[in-house]
Each structure stands twice: as structure tokens, then as C-alpha cells.
Amino acid sequence: MIELKKSCPDAKVILDLSGTENLTEIPKSAFEGNPNYNTDNLVGVVLPNTVTSIGNDSFANAGITEISIPASVKSIGDYAFGYCSNLASVNLPDGLTSIGGLAFRGCYSLESIVIPDSVTTLMYGTFEDCSSLTEVVIGSGITEILAEMFCGWSSLETVHIPTTVTKIGAGAFQCGLDAKEKSFTIKYAGTVDDWNKIDIDMNASSVGATNDALLKAKIVCLADGTEGIYEELKNIGQ
């Protein structure tokens, strides 16, 4: 890809690996862009249905605009799609079980994400600095929204949270803009009593990120129809 960038700087490549036999893993840094040469020629990848894991940094800094991950994939490594700034669409398959830390960090063009119920491991900062995210659906396999998970958002409109979530870490929803100027809606699957049992860390994270944006968020408890901002729901039943 580096040599292609040198000789044909405007070339755009879609790499079709669907016919590759016995490919079970996309290795670490396999298609990682090289910032020294701005290797953004790779705009699309077709993966074979034999791949079960996508390694750390495997597509980091690449120019891909969308990717469909086959149902065979069970794990996505740390920083696998980090700073794929043109990545606007990604389909996570049912059967995927783990997504690594910072896996989609800096995917500035990503507008929505659905985390399937099969995912049970979601690491820190997975969608950090995804500034264009408007909607997030968190699957029922998740029990904790870790620190800085969606830190840096500025376009977020709706987050769907299942009743399986029992903890929200520090800075998970820090807004990239002034939290006083932005708000979003949480659609929570449980009752207001269930919501108030969630352990929400309102302290600053290790890098200073906070959940202040949650204070202005509209929270809709779908199971009983109760809705209100954070403090209003916190006071119900007290």
C-alpha cells in the first residue's frame, strides 16, 4: 500500500479476500495505515467467512469507508479500526463476543452502531472520539459501560441501554463540547427503580473525563413509562 501511494497517490483500492482459503485471523497491524506515507488508498475490504478474529491495530489509520464483518468473527482486537476517520458504516455480527479497547476510537464518520447481544466483553474507550455518532444500541450481553466508552461525542442523540447494565464508568459519556449545550436521550429497557440501582460513577476518570452530560440527558424508562432528567429520576422513590 505504501508503494501504491507513492506511484498512484489518488488510487482507491477495494481488497476482496473472500476467496482466500484457510484465513482465520487478520493479523496484528495487517492493513494499518502508515502515517508517514498517509496510506489511505484502501477504502474497502471484503473478508472471508473463515475469519474468526481481527487482530490489534489491523486496520488502524486505513482509509476504509465501510466494512461488513462476517458472522464467523468472534473477536475484534484493541485499536483494530482506530482512527479510520472515513469509516461511516460497520455491521457487527451476531456471534461476536468481544470488542477490544479503543477498537473504533477516532472513527469520526461513524454515525450509528448496534452492539449485538452476543457481545459480553466491551473494553475501555471502544467508541471514544466518535464525534458523529447519533445512535447507539447496547446489547443485552453487556453488564458494564466502561470508563470513557463514548467519551468525546458531540452528535449523540439516542442511546439504548438494556437492563443487564449495572454500572456506568467514569467519563463514559463525556461530551466533546460543553455539556451544558448538548443533551441526548437514554432509552432504558427497565423501570425507574431498575435505573436508580445502576452504579453511575460521576467522578472524573483517570484522564479527567466526566459524566456531566448525563445530568442533562433525558432518560426514558421503557418498562414503566417514567421519564425525566437524571436528578428527577434519582429522587423518585426517595
Protein backbone atom coordinates (compact mmCIF):
# COMPACT_ATOMS: atom_id res chain seq x y z
CA MET A 1 0.00 0.00 0.00
CA ILE A 2 2.89 2.34 0.70
CA GLU A 3 4.38 1.70 -2.75
CA LEU A 4 0.96 2.20 -4.36
CA LYS A 5 0.59 5.52 -2.57
CA LYS A 6 3.96 6.61 -3.89
CA SER A 7 3.26 5.68 -7.51
CA CYS A 8 -0.50 6.32 -7.69
CA PRO A 9 -1.38 8.77 -4.92
CA ASP A 10 -5.06 9.04 -5.92
CA ALA A 11 -5.72 5.32 -6.40
CA LYS A 12 -8.57 3.77 -4.39
CA VAL A 13 -8.49 0.05 -3.63
CA ILE A 14 -11.14 -2.43 -2.52
CA LEU A 15 -9.46 -5.59 -1.31
CA ASP A 16 -11.53 -8.75 -1.82
CA LEU A 17 -10.30 -11.60 0.37
CA SER A 18 -13.49 -13.64 0.08
CA GLY A 19 -11.81 -16.35 -1.98
CA THR A 20 -8.88 -16.76 0.42
CA GLU A 21 -8.69 -20.28 1.81
CA ASN A 22 -7.92 -21.11 5.45
CA LEU A 23 -7.62 -17.49 6.55
CA THR A 24 -8.82 -17.49 10.16
CA GLU A 25 -7.18 -14.36 11.53
CA ILE A 26 -6.47 -10.84 10.33
CA PRO A 27 -3.02 -10.40 11.93
CA LYS A 28 -1.90 -7.51 14.07
CA SER A 29 -1.30 -4.33 12.01
CA ALA A 30 -2.03 -6.23 8.77
CA PHE A 31 -3.57 -3.25 6.95
CA GLU A 32 -2.56 -0.49 9.30
CA GLY A 33 -2.08 2.83 7.56
CA ASN A 34 1.39 4.33 7.72
CA PRO A 35 1.10 7.97 8.84
CA ASN A 36 4.48 8.72 7.25
CA TYR A 37 3.00 8.00 3.81
CA ASN A 38 -0.68 8.73 4.53
CA THR A 39 -1.66 5.32 3.16
CA ASP A 40 -5.39 5.90 2.80
CA ASN A 41 -5.77 4.15 -0.58
CA LEU A 42 -7.51 1.15 0.99
CA VAL A 43 -11.18 2.18 1.00
CA GLY A 44 -12.88 -1.22 1.27
CA VAL A 45 -12.25 -4.77 2.43
CA VAL A 46 -14.26 -7.95 1.87
CA LEU A 47 -13.41 -10.57 4.49
CA PRO A 48 -13.89 -14.33 4.02
CA ASN A 49 -16.30 -16.22 6.28
CA THR A 50 -13.42 -18.24 7.69
CA VAL A 51 -12.03 -15.35 9.73
CA THR A 52 -12.69 -15.68 13.46
CA SER A 53 -10.57 -12.83 14.84
CA ILE A 54 -9.50 -9.35 13.78
CA GLY A 55 -6.18 -8.51 15.42
CA ASN A 56 -4.93 -5.45 17.27
CA ASP A 57 -4.31 -2.38 15.04
CA SER A 58 -5.22 -4.45 11.99
CA PHE A 59 -6.98 -1.61 10.10
CA ALA A 60 -5.85 1.35 12.19
CA ASN A 61 -5.48 4.59 10.21
CA ALA A 62 -6.72 2.96 6.99
CA GLY A 63 -8.97 4.84 4.55
CA ILE A 64 -11.85 2.33 4.60
CA THR A 65 -15.33 3.83 4.38
CA GLU A 66 -17.37 0.77 5.35
CA ILE A 67 -16.87 -2.85 6.33
CA SER A 68 -19.16 -5.81 6.81
CA ILE A 69 -17.71 -8.20 9.34
CA PRO A 70 -18.64 -11.84 8.62
CA ALA A 71 -20.65 -13.91 11.09
CA SER A 72 -17.62 -16.13 11.71
CA VAL A 73 -15.76 -13.33 13.58
CA LYS A 74 -15.79 -13.78 17.36
CA SER A 75 -13.33 -11.10 18.49
CA ILE A 76 -12.11 -7.66 17.44
CA GLY A 77 -8.78 -6.59 18.93
CA ASP A 78 -7.57 -3.38 20.55
CA TYR A 79 -7.45 -0.36 18.24
CA ALA A 80 -8.44 -2.60 15.31
CA PHE A 81 -10.19 0.25 13.47
CA GLY A 82 -8.65 3.12 15.41
CA TYR A 83 -8.69 6.42 13.55
CA CYS A 84 -10.35 5.02 10.45
CA SER A 85 -11.67 8.53 10.06
CA ASN A 86 -13.66 7.76 6.88
CA LEU A 87 -15.43 4.71 8.31
CA ALA A 88 -19.13 5.61 8.17
CA SER A 89 -20.72 2.18 8.44
CA VAL A 90 -19.89 -1.10 10.19
CA ASN A 91 -22.06 -4.14 10.80
CA LEU A 92 -21.18 -6.16 13.90
CA PRO A 93 -22.44 -9.73 13.51
CA ASP A 94 -24.45 -11.86 15.89
CA GLY A 95 -21.93 -14.28 17.36
CA LEU A 96 -19.29 -11.63 18.01
CA THR A 97 -18.28 -11.96 21.68
CA SER A 98 -15.59 -9.36 22.40
CA ILE A 99 -14.51 -5.90 21.24
CA GLY A 100 -11.14 -4.60 22.37
CA GLY A 101 -10.09 -1.31 23.91
CA LEU A 102 -10.23 1.76 21.65
CA ALA A 103 -11.27 -0.54 18.80
CA PHE A 104 -13.19 2.23 16.99
CA ARG A 105 -11.55 5.26 18.55
CA GLY A 106 -11.44 8.29 16.30
CA CYS A 107 -13.86 6.89 13.71
CA TYR A 108 -15.12 10.42 13.14
CA SER A 109 -17.56 9.49 10.36
CA LEU A 110 -19.29 6.61 12.16
CA GLU A 111 -22.93 7.58 12.65
CA SER A 112 -24.51 4.61 14.41
CA ILE A 113 -23.56 1.31 15.99
CA VAL A 114 -25.51 -1.75 17.12
CA ILE A 115 -23.69 -3.96 19.62
CA PRO A 116 -25.23 -7.43 19.29
CA ASP A 117 -26.49 -9.37 22.31
CA SER A 118 -23.71 -11.91 21.82
CA VAL A 119 -21.03 -9.39 22.86
CA THR A 120 -20.11 -9.92 26.52
CA THR A 121 -16.74 -8.14 26.59
CA LEU A 122 -16.60 -4.47 25.70
CA MET A 123 -13.36 -2.77 26.70
CA TYR A 124 -12.45 0.79 27.67
CA GLY A 125 -12.88 3.67 25.25
CA THR A 126 -14.20 1.47 22.45
CA PHE A 127 -16.02 4.34 20.72
CA GLU A 128 -14.05 7.24 22.13
CA ASP A 129 -13.95 10.36 19.93
CA CYS A 130 -16.59 9.03 17.53
CA SER A 131 -17.88 12.56 17.16
CA SER A 132 -20.55 11.80 14.53
CA LEU A 133 -22.30 9.02 16.46
CA THR A 134 -26.00 9.77 16.71
CA GLU A 135 -27.43 6.42 17.86
CA VAL A 136 -26.01 3.55 19.91
CA VAL A 137 -27.75 0.26 20.70
CA ILE A 138 -26.09 -1.70 23.50
CA GLY A 139 -26.83 -5.42 23.52
CA SER A 140 -28.05 -7.44 26.50
CA GLY A 141 -24.72 -9.23 26.89
CA ILE A 142 -23.16 -6.07 28.35
CA THR A 143 -23.19 -5.56 32.12
CA GLU A 144 -20.90 -2.52 32.37
CA ILE A 145 -20.36 0.56 30.22
CA LEU A 146 -16.71 1.12 30.98
CA ALA A 147 -14.89 4.40 31.56
CA GLU A 148 -14.60 6.74 28.55
CA MET A 149 -16.62 4.35 26.37
CA PHE A 150 -18.27 7.12 24.34
CA CYS A 151 -16.10 9.99 25.56
CA GLY A 152 -15.75 12.79 23.01
CA TRP A 153 -19.16 12.58 21.36
CA SER A 154 -20.74 15.74 20.01
CA SER A 155 -23.69 14.48 17.90
CA LEU A 156 -25.18 11.79 20.14
CA GLU A 157 -28.98 11.70 20.12
CA THR A 158 -30.10 8.30 21.43
CA VAL A 159 -28.51 5.51 23.48
CA HIS A 160 -30.39 2.25 24.08
CA ILE A 161 -29.34 0.59 27.36
CA PRO A 162 -30.53 -2.90 28.44
CA THR A 163 -31.44 -3.93 31.98
CA THR A 164 -28.32 -6.08 32.15
CA VAL A 165 -26.15 -2.97 32.61
CA THR A 166 -25.38 -2.50 36.30
CA LYS A 167 -22.56 0.05 36.11
CA ILE A 168 -21.56 3.09 34.06
CA GLY A 169 -17.90 4.04 34.42
CA ALA A 170 -16.32 7.45 34.86
CA GLY A 171 -16.39 9.68 31.78
CA ALA A 172 -18.30 7.10 29.72
CA PHE A 173 -20.48 9.83 28.21
CA GLN A 174 -18.30 12.93 28.37
CA CYS A 175 -19.36 15.30 25.63
CA GLY A 176 -16.67 16.65 23.33
CA LEU A 177 -18.39 20.04 23.56
CA ASP A 178 -19.70 21.97 26.54
CA ALA A 179 -22.06 19.56 28.32
CA LYS A 180 -24.33 22.49 29.16
CA GLU A 181 -25.04 22.98 25.47
CA LYS A 182 -25.65 19.37 24.47
CA SER A 183 -28.11 16.73 25.60
CA PHE A 184 -29.20 13.29 24.46
CA THR A 185 -31.83 10.67 25.23
CA ILE A 186 -31.28 7.36 27.00
CA LYS A 187 -33.88 4.70 26.29
CA TYR A 188 -33.55 2.30 29.19
CA ALA A 189 -35.28 -1.07 28.96
CA GLY A 190 -36.15 -1.32 32.66
CA THR A 191 -38.16 0.58 35.26
CA VAL A 192 -37.15 3.73 37.09
CA ASP A 193 -36.32 1.58 40.13
CA ASP A 194 -34.02 -0.52 37.97
CA TRP A 195 -32.36 2.62 36.60
CA ASN A 196 -31.70 4.00 40.07
CA LYS A 197 -29.90 0.79 41.01
CA ILE A 198 -27.26 1.32 38.32
CA ASP A 199 -23.90 2.33 39.79
CA ILE A 200 -23.05 5.52 37.87
CA ASP A 201 -19.60 6.97 38.51
CA MET A 202 -19.93 10.76 38.45
CA ASN A 203 -16.30 11.29 39.41
CA ALA A 204 -13.64 12.24 36.87
CA SER A 205 -11.83 9.39 35.15
CA SER A 206 -8.06 8.96 35.23
CA VAL A 207 -7.73 11.40 32.33
CA GLY A 208 -10.28 13.86 33.71
CA ALA A 209 -13.34 12.80 31.70
CA THR A 210 -16.70 13.15 33.50
CA ASN A 211 -20.33 12.09 33.07
CA ASP A 212 -21.67 15.63 33.46
CA ALA A 213 -23.60 15.26 30.19
CA LEU A 214 -25.73 12.61 31.91
CA LEU A 215 -27.11 15.29 34.22
CA LYS A 216 -28.95 16.87 31.28
CA ALA A 217 -29.83 13.65 29.46
CA LYS A 218 -33.48 12.72 29.06
CA ILE A 219 -33.91 9.22 30.47
CA VAL A 220 -36.90 7.18 29.33
CA CYS A 221 -37.61 4.03 31.36
CA LEU A 222 -39.45 1.93 28.81
CA ALA A 223 -40.76 -0.74 31.23
CA ASP A 224 -42.93 1.68 33.23
CA GLY A 225 -43.04 4.79 31.03
CA THR A 226 -41.28 7.02 33.55
CA GLU A 227 -39.07 9.71 32.07
CA GLY A 228 -37.10 12.70 33.24
CA ILE A 229 -33.61 14.07 33.61
CA TYR A 230 -31.02 12.41 35.82
CA GLU A 231 -31.77 14.21 39.09
CA GLU A 232 -35.53 13.87 38.67
CA LEU A 233 -35.34 10.11 38.34
CA LYS A 234 -32.80 9.88 41.12
CA ASN A 235 -35.26 11.50 43.51
CA ILE A 236 -38.21 9.28 42.62
CA GLY A 237 -38.98 6.85 45.41
CA GLN A 238 -36.67 8.54 47.90
